[in-house]
Amino acid sequence: MKEISALLASGSARAIGAAIAAGEISALEATEWYLDRIERFDQGKDDINCVRTVSRLAREEARRADAALAAGQAAGPLHGVPYSDQR
C-alpha cells in the first residue's frame, strides 16, 4: 500500500493511469484515496480550504470506469484517473 500511496501522492496522471490499466489499483481505490486526503487536509484539522466542492458522483464514476476497463473498453491512457479542476 505504501507504493500505491507514493504513486497517488506523486500526482502523475500518466503513472496513475498506467497503474489503473495494469490492475495495480482500481479507479475506485484511487478516488477513495484522494477523497480521504481532501477530507483530512482540506476540510479536516489543517483546514486548508482549497477544495470548494467535491462531486457527489465521484465514486459512481470511478465504479463505471472500473467496469468499462474490466470489459476491455478503456477510453485512453487517463481512463479512471481522478482529477480536479479550477473554475
Protein backbone atom coordinates (compact mmCIF):
# COMPACT_ATOMS: atom_id res chain seq x y z
CA MET A 1 0.00 0.00 0.00
CA LYS A 2 2.93 2.34 0.67
CA GLU A 3 3.93 2.14 -3.02
CA ILE A 4 0.37 2.94 -4.10
CA SER A 5 0.22 5.90 -1.71
CA ALA A 6 3.52 7.19 -3.11
CA LEU A 7 2.19 6.79 -6.64
CA LEU A 8 -1.02 8.67 -5.87
CA ALA A 9 0.79 11.36 -3.89
CA SER A 10 3.09 11.96 -6.88
CA GLY A 11 0.16 13.34 -8.83
CA SER A 12 1.46 11.86 -12.10
CA ALA A 13 -1.70 11.26 -14.11
CA ARG A 14 0.13 9.09 -16.64
CA ALA A 15 1.63 6.87 -13.93
CA ILE A 16 -1.72 6.57 -12.14
CA GLY A 17 -3.45 5.76 -15.44
CA ALA A 18 -0.86 3.09 -16.19
CA ALA A 19 -1.35 1.56 -12.72
CA ILE A 20 -5.13 1.50 -13.21
CA ALA A 21 -4.78 -0.06 -16.67
CA ALA A 22 -2.40 -2.71 -15.27
CA GLY A 23 -4.81 -3.57 -12.46
CA GLU A 24 -2.38 -2.46 -9.75
CA ILE A 25 -5.05 -0.15 -8.36
CA SER A 26 -8.68 0.46 -9.28
CA ALA A 27 -10.18 3.79 -10.24
CA LEU A 28 -12.37 3.50 -7.14
CA GLU A 29 -9.37 2.93 -4.87
CA ALA A 30 -7.62 5.96 -6.35
CA THR A 31 -10.76 8.07 -5.96
CA GLU A 32 -11.23 6.98 -2.34
CA TRP A 33 -7.58 7.82 -1.61
CA TYR A 34 -7.98 11.37 -2.94
CA LEU A 35 -11.36 11.90 -1.25
CA ASP A 36 -9.79 10.83 2.04
CA ARG A 37 -6.95 13.33 1.58
CA ILE A 38 -9.41 16.11 0.80
CA GLU A 39 -11.32 15.30 3.98
CA ARG A 40 -8.19 15.07 6.14
CA PHE A 41 -6.24 18.03 4.84
CA ASP A 42 -8.68 20.40 3.22
CA GLN A 43 -11.70 20.06 5.44
CA GLY A 44 -10.07 18.49 8.47
CA LYS A 45 -7.80 19.67 11.23
CA ASP A 46 -5.45 21.56 8.87
CA ASP A 47 -8.42 23.35 7.26
CA ILE A 48 -6.56 24.36 4.10
CA ASN A 49 -9.94 25.02 2.45
CA CYS A 50 -8.81 24.95 -1.18
CA VAL A 51 -11.40 22.47 -2.48
CA ARG A 52 -14.69 24.22 -2.98
CA THR A 53 -16.88 21.27 -3.96
CA VAL A 54 -16.49 17.52 -4.36
CA SER A 55 -18.62 15.71 -6.92
CA ARG A 56 -21.31 13.55 -5.36
CA LEU A 57 -20.81 11.28 -8.35
CA ALA A 58 -17.07 10.70 -7.93
CA ARG A 59 -17.41 7.17 -6.56
CA GLU A 60 -20.10 6.22 -9.07
CA GLU A 61 -17.97 7.49 -11.96
CA ALA A 62 -14.97 5.55 -10.64
CA ARG A 63 -17.05 2.36 -10.46
CA ARG A 64 -18.18 2.90 -14.06
CA ALA A 65 -14.57 3.43 -15.14
CA ASP A 66 -13.56 0.18 -13.45
CA ALA A 67 -16.44 -1.69 -15.10
CA ALA A 68 -15.52 -0.32 -18.52
CA LEU A 69 -11.89 -1.31 -18.01
CA ALA A 70 -12.95 -4.83 -16.98
CA ALA A 71 -15.00 -5.04 -20.18
CA GLY A 72 -11.99 -4.00 -22.27
CA GLN A 73 -13.40 -0.56 -23.00
CA ALA A 74 -10.70 1.75 -21.65
CA ALA A 75 -11.09 5.27 -23.03
CA GLY A 76 -7.38 6.06 -23.18
CA PRO A 77 -4.28 6.40 -21.01
CA LEU A 78 -6.03 8.53 -18.37
CA HIS A 79 -9.07 6.24 -18.08
CA GLY A 80 -10.25 6.18 -14.45
CA VAL A 81 -7.76 8.75 -13.18
CA PRO A 82 -9.40 11.09 -10.62
CA TYR A 83 -8.81 14.79 -11.24
CA SER A 84 -9.73 18.22 -10.01
CA ASP A 85 -10.25 21.43 -11.93
CA GLN A 86 -10.37 25.12 -11.24
CA ARG A 87 -13.33 27.20 -12.28
